[in-house]
C-alpha atoms as a PDB file:
ATOM      1  CA  UNK A   1     -14.283   4.101  13.287  1.00  0.00           C
ATOM      2  CA  UNK A   2     -12.009   3.594   9.981  1.00  0.00           C
ATOM      3  CA  UNK A   3     -11.375   0.602   7.849  1.00  0.00           C
ATOM      4  CA  UNK A   4      -7.952   0.143   7.789  1.00  0.00           C
ATOM      5  CA  UNK A   5      -7.589   0.340   3.927  1.00  0.00           C
ATOM      6  CA  UNK A   6      -8.719   4.098   4.586  1.00  0.00           C
ATOM      7  CA  UNK A   7      -6.395   4.370   7.193  1.00  0.00           C
ATOM      8  CA  UNK A   8      -3.209   3.433   4.609  1.00  0.00           C
ATOM      9  CA  UNK A   9      -4.715   5.319   2.187  1.00  0.00           C
ATOM     10  CA  UNK A  10      -5.059   8.316   4.129  1.00  0.00           C
ATOM     11  CA  UNK A  11      -1.447   8.066   5.505  1.00  0.00           C
ATOM     12  CA  UNK A  12       0.022   7.103   2.144  1.00  0.00           C
ATOM     13  CA  UNK A  13      -1.774  10.457   0.577  1.00  0.00           C
ATOM     14  CA  UNK A  14      -0.002  12.692   3.184  1.00  0.00           C
ATOM     15  CA  UNK A  15       3.138  10.830   2.980  1.00  0.00           C
ATOM     16  CA  UNK A  16       4.211  10.578  -0.084  1.00  0.00           C
ATOM     17  CA  UNK A  17       2.235  13.619  -1.478  1.00  0.00           C
ATOM     18  CA  UNK A  18      -0.211  11.769  -3.998  1.00  0.00           C
ATOM     19  CA  UNK A  19      -2.985  13.356  -4.827  1.00  0.00           C
ATOM     20  CA  UNK A  20      -6.566  12.490  -3.751  1.00  0.00           C
ATOM     21  CA  UNK A  21      -8.823  10.261  -5.409  1.00  0.00           C
ATOM     22  CA  UNK A  22     -12.259  12.327  -7.066  1.00  0.00           C
ATOM     23  CA  UNK A  23     -14.930  12.124  -5.296  1.00  0.00           C
ATOM     24  CA  UNK A  24     -16.971   8.681  -5.185  1.00  0.00           C
ATOM     25  CA  UNK A  25     -13.159   7.034  -5.780  1.00  0.00           C
ATOM     26  CA  UNK A  26     -11.880   7.101  -1.581  1.00  0.00           C
ATOM     27  CA  UNK A  27     -12.920   3.665  -1.439  1.00  0.00           C
ATOM     28  CA  UNK A  28     -11.846   1.706  -4.831  1.00  0.00           C
ATOM     29  CA  UNK A  29      -7.907   4.538  -3.915  1.00  0.00           C
ATOM     30  CA  UNK A  30      -7.856   2.733  -0.772  1.00  0.00           C
ATOM     31  CA  UNK A  31      -7.849  -0.910  -1.308  1.00  0.00           C
ATOM     32  CA  UNK A  32      -5.560  -0.082  -4.414  1.00  0.00           C
ATOM     33  CA  UNK A  33      -3.105   1.080  -2.599  1.00  0.00           C
ATOM     34  CA  UNK A  34      -3.381  -0.889   0.487  1.00  0.00           C
ATOM     35  CA  UNK A  35      -2.897  -4.275  -1.852  1.00  0.00           C
ATOM     36  CA  UNK A  36      -0.094  -2.274  -3.603  1.00  0.00           C
ATOM     37  CA  UNK A  37       1.544  -1.373  -0.595  1.00  0.00           C
ATOM     38  CA  UNK A  38       1.257  -5.097   0.462  1.00  0.00           C
ATOM     39  CA  UNK A  39       2.463  -6.731  -2.740  1.00  0.00           C
ATOM     40  CA  UNK A  40       5.333  -4.350  -2.495  1.00  0.00           C
ATOM     41  CA  UNK A  41       6.817  -5.613   0.912  1.00  0.00           C
ATOM     42  CA  UNK A  42       5.042  -8.762   0.255  1.00  0.00           C
ATOM     43  CA  UNK A  43       7.706  -9.074  -2.748  1.00  0.00           C
ATOM     44  CA  UNK A  44      10.381  -7.495  -1.030  1.00  0.00           C
ATOM     45  CA  UNK A  45      10.593  -9.729   1.486  1.00  0.00           C
ATOM     46  CA  UNK A  46      10.476 -12.804  -1.093  1.00  0.00           C
ATOM     47  CA  UNK A  47      14.067 -11.412  -2.675  1.00  0.00           C
ATOM     48  CA  UNK A  48      15.588 -11.201   0.874  1.00  0.00           C
ATOM     49  CA  UNK A  49      14.520 -15.209   1.674  1.00  0.00           C
ATOM     50  CA  UNK A  50      16.265 -16.122  -2.117  1.00  0.00           C
ATOM     51  CA  UNK A  51      19.143 -13.825  -1.627  1.00  0.00           C
ATOM     52  CA  UNK A  52      19.406 -15.293   1.823  1.00  0.00           C
ATOM     53  CA  UNK A  53      19.423 -18.758   0.220  1.00  0.00           C
ATOM     54  CA  UNK A  54      21.295 -18.070  -2.105  1.00  0.00           C
ATOM     55  CA  UNK A  55      24.803 -17.177   0.292  1.00  0.00           C
END
């Protein structure tokens, strides 16, 4: 079974169409992509909560 980061990375590569990482760099790329996506979602949720509180 693949790791969650590998599945997220593979889905992002296929979905967005970015270039595949170099051989030997797949694990590092998977962690970077997963971290970036999680951070983006957290920022979006934080902004939503902030704006909701301002109403």
